[in-house]
N, C-alpha and C. Protein backbone atom coordinates (compact mmCIF):
# COMPACT_ATOMS: atom_id res chain seq x y z
N MET A 1 -27.74 -18.47 39.67
CA MET A 1 -27.42 -18.31 38.24
C MET A 1 -26.35 -17.27 38.05
N ALA A 2 -25.41 -17.61 37.59
CA ALA A 2 -24.12 -16.63 37.53
C ALA A 2 -23.96 -16.22 35.96
N PHE A 3 -23.68 -15.04 35.83
CA PHE A 3 -23.51 -14.52 34.53
C PHE A 3 -22.01 -14.29 34.35
N ASN A 4 -21.45 -14.47 33.21
CA ASN A 4 -19.99 -14.25 33.00
C ASN A 4 -19.60 -12.87 32.87
N ASP A 5 -18.38 -12.55 32.87
CA ASP A 5 -17.81 -11.21 32.86
C ASP A 5 -18.27 -10.42 31.59
N THR A 6 -18.36 -11.06 30.39
CA THR A 6 -18.80 -10.33 29.23
C THR A 6 -20.29 -9.91 29.31
N VAL A 7 -21.18 -10.80 29.88
CA VAL A 7 -22.61 -10.46 30.04
C VAL A 7 -22.56 -9.21 31.14
N MET A 8 -21.89 -9.35 32.17
CA MET A 8 -21.95 -8.40 33.20
C MET A 8 -21.26 -7.09 32.81
N ASP A 9 -20.42 -7.15 31.86
CA ASP A 9 -19.93 -5.74 31.33
C ASP A 9 -21.15 -5.02 30.52
N HIS A 10 -21.85 -5.90 29.82
CA HIS A 10 -22.85 -5.26 28.99
C HIS A 10 -24.11 -4.69 30.04
N VAL A 11 -24.26 -5.48 31.07
CA VAL A 11 -25.29 -5.07 32.02
C VAL A 11 -24.87 -3.77 32.84
N LEU A 12 -23.59 -3.76 33.20
CA LEU A 12 -23.22 -2.59 33.97
C LEU A 12 -22.73 -1.29 33.10
N ASN A 13 -22.48 -1.69 31.81
CA ASN A 13 -22.04 -0.63 30.94
C ASN A 13 -22.94 -0.87 29.60
N PRO A 14 -24.18 -0.65 29.66
CA PRO A 14 -25.04 -1.08 28.42
C PRO A 14 -24.63 -0.18 27.20
N ARG A 15 -24.55 -0.75 26.11
CA ARG A 15 -24.35 0.10 24.91
C ARG A 15 -25.66 0.34 24.16
N ASN A 16 -25.88 1.49 23.69
CA ASN A 16 -27.08 1.91 22.93
C ASN A 16 -28.36 1.58 23.51
N SER A 17 -28.47 1.92 24.92
CA SER A 17 -29.73 1.80 25.54
C SER A 17 -30.61 2.93 25.38
N GLY A 18 -31.95 2.69 25.17
CA GLY A 18 -32.96 3.72 25.27
C GLY A 18 -33.50 3.89 23.74
N PRO A 19 -34.73 4.46 23.79
CA PRO A 19 -35.36 4.67 22.39
C PRO A 19 -34.65 5.67 21.65
N LEU A 20 -34.76 5.69 20.27
CA LEU A 20 -34.27 6.59 19.34
C LEU A 20 -35.52 7.34 18.84
N ASP A 21 -35.59 8.59 19.10
CA ASP A 21 -36.65 9.47 18.68
C ASP A 21 -36.82 9.46 17.19
N ASP A 22 -35.65 9.36 16.40
CA ASP A 22 -35.63 9.52 14.99
C ASP A 22 -35.51 8.19 14.37
N ALA A 23 -35.96 7.04 15.05
CA ALA A 23 -35.88 5.67 14.44
C ALA A 23 -36.74 5.66 13.08
N THR A 24 -36.10 5.10 12.17
CA THR A 24 -36.89 4.88 10.88
C THR A 24 -37.62 3.59 10.89
N CYS A 25 -37.29 2.66 11.77
CA CYS A 25 -37.93 1.33 11.90
C CYS A 25 -37.83 0.82 13.31
N ILE A 26 -38.78 0.01 13.79
CA ILE A 26 -38.74 -0.49 15.22
C ILE A 26 -39.23 -2.00 15.14
N GLY A 27 -38.59 -2.87 15.84
CA GLY A 27 -39.01 -4.20 15.88
C GLY A 27 -39.06 -4.65 17.35
N CYS A 28 -40.14 -5.38 17.69
CA CYS A 28 -40.37 -5.61 19.11
C CYS A 28 -40.81 -7.14 19.18
N VAL A 29 -40.20 -7.80 20.20
CA VAL A 29 -40.60 -9.27 20.47
C VAL A 29 -41.07 -9.21 21.90
N GLY A 30 -42.23 -9.74 22.15
CA GLY A 30 -42.87 -9.60 23.48
C GLY A 30 -43.66 -8.38 23.61
N ILE A 31 -44.27 -8.11 24.79
CA ILE A 31 -45.22 -7.04 25.04
C ILE A 31 -44.50 -6.17 26.23
N PRO A 32 -44.07 -5.00 25.98
CA PRO A 32 -43.58 -4.12 26.99
C PRO A 32 -44.54 -4.00 28.22
N GLY A 33 -44.13 -4.21 29.39
CA GLY A 33 -44.95 -4.14 30.54
C GLY A 33 -45.75 -5.41 30.90
N GLU A 34 -45.48 -6.47 30.06
CA GLU A 34 -46.15 -7.76 30.26
C GLU A 34 -45.21 -8.95 30.22
N GLY A 35 -44.02 -8.75 30.89
CA GLY A 35 -43.00 -9.84 30.87
C GLY A 35 -41.95 -9.61 30.00
N ARG A 36 -41.37 -10.51 29.50
CA ARG A 36 -40.05 -10.43 28.68
C ARG A 36 -40.39 -9.76 27.28
N TYR A 37 -39.66 -8.76 27.01
CA TYR A 37 -39.56 -8.13 25.66
C TYR A 37 -38.29 -7.56 25.30
N ILE A 38 -38.01 -7.41 23.99
CA ILE A 38 -36.92 -6.62 23.56
C ILE A 38 -37.38 -5.76 22.32
N LYS A 39 -37.09 -4.55 22.45
CA LYS A 39 -37.52 -3.62 21.38
C LYS A 39 -36.27 -3.06 20.74
N ILE A 40 -36.04 -3.12 19.45
CA ILE A 40 -34.91 -2.68 18.83
C ILE A 40 -35.34 -1.46 17.86
N TYR A 41 -34.62 -0.37 17.99
CA TYR A 41 -34.78 0.87 17.26
C TYR A 41 -33.62 0.97 16.25
N LEU A 42 -33.93 1.30 14.92
CA LEU A 42 -32.96 1.47 13.99
C LEU A 42 -33.13 2.75 13.19
N VAL A 43 -32.03 3.33 12.86
CA VAL A 43 -32.02 4.54 11.92
C VAL A 43 -31.32 4.03 10.63
N VAL A 44 -32.08 3.73 9.58
CA VAL A 44 -31.55 3.08 8.45
C VAL A 44 -31.64 4.15 7.25
N MET A 45 -30.57 4.26 6.58
CA MET A 45 -30.36 5.25 5.38
C MET A 45 -29.66 4.42 4.40
N ASP A 46 -30.13 4.48 3.10
CA ASP A 46 -29.52 3.71 2.02
C ASP A 46 -29.10 2.30 2.36
N ASP A 47 -29.99 1.62 2.98
CA ASP A 47 -29.86 0.24 3.32
C ASP A 47 -28.64 -0.04 4.16
N SER A 48 -28.26 1.04 4.97
CA SER A 48 -27.15 0.90 6.00
C SER A 48 -27.72 1.40 7.37
N ILE A 49 -27.43 0.58 8.41
CA ILE A 49 -27.89 0.88 9.83
C ILE A 49 -26.95 1.92 10.33
N ARG A 50 -27.41 3.13 10.39
CA ARG A 50 -26.58 4.27 11.03
C ARG A 50 -26.52 4.29 12.52
N ARG A 51 -27.72 3.96 13.06
CA ARG A 51 -27.80 3.96 14.55
C ARG A 51 -28.71 2.86 14.98
N ALA A 52 -28.52 2.19 16.19
CA ALA A 52 -29.22 1.26 16.62
C ALA A 52 -29.34 1.32 18.29
N SER A 53 -30.49 1.19 18.75
CA SER A 53 -30.60 1.05 20.15
C SER A 53 -31.79 0.18 20.62
N TYR A 54 -31.95 -0.09 21.91
CA TYR A 54 -32.90 -0.98 22.35
C TYR A 54 -33.58 -0.57 23.69
N GLU A 55 -34.59 -1.16 24.04
CA GLU A 55 -35.38 -1.22 25.35
C GLU A 55 -35.60 -2.69 25.56
N CYS A 56 -35.65 -2.96 26.96
CA CYS A 56 -35.98 -4.36 27.35
C CYS A 56 -36.45 -4.42 28.64
N ASN A 57 -36.94 -5.56 29.15
CA ASN A 57 -37.36 -5.78 30.45
C ASN A 57 -36.50 -5.59 31.51
N GLY A 58 -35.17 -5.60 31.20
CA GLY A 58 -34.13 -5.30 32.30
C GLY A 58 -33.42 -6.43 32.83
N CYS A 59 -33.74 -7.68 32.44
CA CYS A 59 -33.05 -8.86 33.07
C CYS A 59 -31.64 -8.78 32.23
N PRO A 60 -30.64 -9.35 33.05
CA PRO A 60 -29.22 -9.26 32.62
C PRO A 60 -29.12 -9.87 31.14
N ALA A 61 -29.85 -11.05 30.94
CA ALA A 61 -29.63 -11.67 29.66
C ALA A 61 -30.13 -10.89 28.47
N SER A 62 -31.29 -10.15 28.71
CA SER A 62 -31.89 -9.39 27.67
C SER A 62 -31.08 -8.15 27.40
N ILE A 63 -30.62 -7.53 28.52
CA ILE A 63 -29.76 -6.35 28.34
C ILE A 63 -28.56 -6.71 27.43
N ALA A 64 -27.77 -7.69 27.96
CA ALA A 64 -26.58 -8.13 27.18
C ALA A 64 -26.81 -8.49 25.78
N SER A 65 -27.89 -9.23 25.51
CA SER A 65 -28.25 -9.77 24.15
C SER A 65 -28.60 -8.54 23.20
N ALA A 66 -29.53 -7.69 23.74
CA ALA A 66 -29.76 -6.43 22.88
C ALA A 66 -28.72 -5.46 22.71
N SER A 67 -27.83 -5.39 23.65
CA SER A 67 -26.68 -4.55 23.59
C SER A 67 -25.77 -5.09 22.49
N VAL A 68 -25.44 -6.43 22.51
CA VAL A 68 -24.58 -7.00 21.48
C VAL A 68 -25.18 -6.82 20.12
N VAL A 69 -26.48 -7.13 19.94
CA VAL A 69 -27.14 -7.11 18.64
C VAL A 69 -27.08 -5.58 18.18
N CYS A 70 -27.22 -4.59 18.92
CA CYS A 70 -27.13 -3.16 18.48
C CYS A 70 -25.76 -2.85 17.93
N GLN A 71 -24.74 -3.37 18.75
CA GLN A 71 -23.30 -3.09 18.39
C GLN A 71 -22.96 -3.86 17.04
N ILE A 72 -23.42 -5.01 16.92
CA ILE A 72 -23.21 -5.73 15.58
C ILE A 72 -23.87 -4.91 14.38
N ALA A 73 -25.08 -4.41 14.64
CA ALA A 73 -25.87 -3.84 13.57
C ALA A 73 -25.27 -2.38 13.12
N LYS A 74 -24.75 -1.65 14.11
CA LYS A 74 -24.30 -0.29 13.80
C LYS A 74 -23.29 -0.30 12.61
N GLY A 75 -23.60 0.49 11.61
CA GLY A 75 -22.62 0.64 10.49
C GLY A 75 -22.50 -0.43 9.54
N ARG A 76 -23.46 -1.41 9.54
CA ARG A 76 -23.41 -2.45 8.56
C ARG A 76 -24.76 -2.32 7.76
N GLY A 77 -24.60 -3.07 6.54
CA GLY A 77 -25.82 -3.03 5.66
C GLY A 77 -26.95 -4.08 6.15
N THR A 78 -28.10 -3.66 5.92
CA THR A 78 -29.22 -4.56 6.34
C THR A 78 -29.18 -5.98 5.92
N ASP A 79 -28.62 -6.08 4.71
CA ASP A 79 -28.45 -7.57 4.14
C ASP A 79 -27.45 -8.28 4.96
N VAL A 80 -26.43 -7.70 5.39
CA VAL A 80 -25.48 -8.38 6.28
C VAL A 80 -26.15 -8.61 7.66
N VAL A 81 -26.79 -7.63 8.29
CA VAL A 81 -27.21 -7.76 9.61
C VAL A 81 -28.38 -8.80 9.60
N ASP A 82 -29.08 -9.11 8.49
CA ASP A 82 -30.13 -9.94 8.40
C ASP A 82 -29.65 -11.45 8.54
N MET A 83 -28.37 -11.62 8.43
CA MET A 83 -27.77 -12.86 8.50
C MET A 83 -27.39 -13.28 9.94
N ILE A 84 -27.40 -12.38 10.87
CA ILE A 84 -27.01 -12.67 12.27
C ILE A 84 -27.98 -13.80 12.88
N GLU A 85 -27.41 -14.65 13.61
CA GLU A 85 -28.13 -15.72 14.23
C GLU A 85 -27.90 -15.60 15.70
N ALA A 86 -28.90 -16.11 16.54
CA ALA A 86 -28.77 -16.28 18.00
C ALA A 86 -27.44 -16.89 18.39
N THR A 87 -26.92 -17.84 17.68
CA THR A 87 -25.70 -18.48 18.17
C THR A 87 -24.61 -17.47 17.97
N ASP A 88 -24.61 -16.44 17.11
CA ASP A 88 -23.54 -15.51 16.96
C ASP A 88 -23.54 -14.60 18.13
N VAL A 89 -24.75 -14.25 18.74
CA VAL A 89 -24.91 -13.49 19.90
C VAL A 89 -24.35 -14.29 21.13
N LEU A 90 -24.74 -15.42 21.22
CA LEU A 90 -24.15 -16.29 22.36
C LEU A 90 -22.74 -16.41 22.35
N ILE A 91 -22.10 -16.50 21.10
CA ILE A 91 -20.65 -16.64 21.10
C ILE A 91 -19.99 -15.26 21.44
N LEU A 92 -20.64 -14.26 21.01
CA LEU A 92 -20.00 -12.85 21.49
C LEU A 92 -20.24 -12.53 22.92
N LEU A 93 -21.25 -13.21 23.55
CA LEU A 93 -21.47 -13.10 25.01
C LEU A 93 -20.71 -14.06 25.84
N ASN A 94 -20.04 -15.01 25.12
CA ASN A 94 -19.35 -16.11 25.86
C ASN A 94 -20.43 -17.00 26.52
N GLY A 95 -21.61 -16.95 26.08
CA GLY A 95 -22.73 -17.76 26.54
C GLY A 95 -23.69 -17.12 27.54
N LEU A 96 -24.75 -17.72 27.72
CA LEU A 96 -25.67 -17.20 28.69
C LEU A 96 -26.16 -18.51 29.68
N PRO A 97 -26.54 -18.29 30.83
CA PRO A 97 -26.86 -19.30 31.73
C PRO A 97 -28.08 -20.13 31.11
N GLU A 98 -28.08 -21.51 31.49
CA GLU A 98 -29.11 -22.39 30.86
C GLU A 98 -30.47 -21.65 31.29
N GLY A 99 -31.44 -21.74 30.16
CA GLY A 99 -32.72 -21.16 30.47
C GLY A 99 -32.77 -19.76 30.08
N LYS A 100 -31.61 -19.01 29.84
CA LYS A 100 -31.59 -17.71 29.44
C LYS A 100 -31.11 -17.51 27.92
N GLU A 101 -30.82 -18.61 27.36
CA GLU A 101 -30.22 -18.48 25.91
C GLU A 101 -31.27 -17.92 24.97
N GLU A 102 -32.53 -18.12 25.18
CA GLU A 102 -33.64 -17.64 24.40
C GLU A 102 -33.62 -16.13 24.26
N MET A 103 -33.08 -15.40 25.15
CA MET A 103 -32.93 -13.89 24.98
C MET A 103 -32.02 -13.53 23.86
N ALA A 104 -31.11 -14.23 23.34
CA ALA A 104 -30.30 -14.00 22.27
C ALA A 104 -31.20 -14.08 21.15
N GLY A 105 -31.91 -15.09 21.01
CA GLY A 105 -32.90 -15.39 19.90
C GLY A 105 -34.00 -14.24 19.76
N MET A 106 -34.40 -13.69 20.97
CA MET A 106 -35.48 -12.71 21.02
C MET A 106 -34.85 -11.36 20.41
N ALA A 107 -33.56 -11.01 20.74
CA ALA A 107 -32.90 -9.87 20.36
C ALA A 107 -32.69 -9.91 18.82
N VAL A 108 -32.22 -11.02 18.27
CA VAL A 108 -32.10 -11.21 16.86
C VAL A 108 -33.45 -11.14 16.18
N GLU A 109 -34.52 -11.60 16.60
CA GLU A 109 -35.82 -11.66 16.16
C GLU A 109 -36.35 -10.15 16.13
N ALA A 110 -36.10 -9.51 17.10
CA ALA A 110 -36.56 -8.00 17.10
C ALA A 110 -35.70 -7.20 16.12
N LEU A 111 -34.51 -7.56 15.92
CA LEU A 111 -33.63 -6.86 14.95
C LEU A 111 -34.24 -7.26 13.52
N ARG A 112 -34.53 -8.41 13.29
CA ARG A 112 -35.10 -8.89 12.00
C ARG A 112 -36.52 -8.07 11.81
N LEU A 113 -37.25 -8.08 12.77
CA LEU A 113 -38.57 -7.37 12.64
C LEU A 113 -38.36 -5.98 12.17
N ALA A 114 -37.45 -5.39 12.79
CA ALA A 114 -37.06 -3.91 12.44
C ALA A 114 -36.57 -3.77 11.07
N ILE A 115 -35.75 -4.66 10.56
CA ILE A 115 -35.09 -4.68 9.30
C ILE A 115 -36.23 -4.96 8.29
N ASP A 116 -37.16 -5.80 8.57
CA ASP A 116 -38.30 -6.12 7.70
C ASP A 116 -39.13 -4.81 7.39
N LYS A 117 -39.16 -3.91 8.29
CA LYS A 117 -39.90 -2.65 8.14
C LYS A 117 -39.27 -1.63 7.30
N THR A 118 -38.02 -1.94 6.78
CA THR A 118 -37.36 -0.94 6.01
C THR A 118 -37.58 -1.13 4.46
N ASP A 119 -38.28 -2.30 4.18
CA ASP A 119 -38.64 -2.62 2.83
C ASP A 119 -39.74 -1.68 2.23
């Protein structure tokens, strides 16, 4: 299974990796320590995402998907970010190998769960 250059760039140079101690909301899909998971941390002020970071199980597809989702989210309003779809992540990553596409959906779902906690 080969990952393209865009995915590998996010794997080798992850953006926004690690927990945020001052996160105002957190969304997680899956269970840490029990297989695939993506956890998104957000710092939200005045309906704007000021900071975003992630933790995941470490597979290349989850790292790249979570990294892109955090990049998209930072600096945008929660209403705009709530419109992100898994297909947007796949486009920005120039695709993921067959069987790994669901990681884009997991990253988006974790983001949405975090945004839902801002209400």
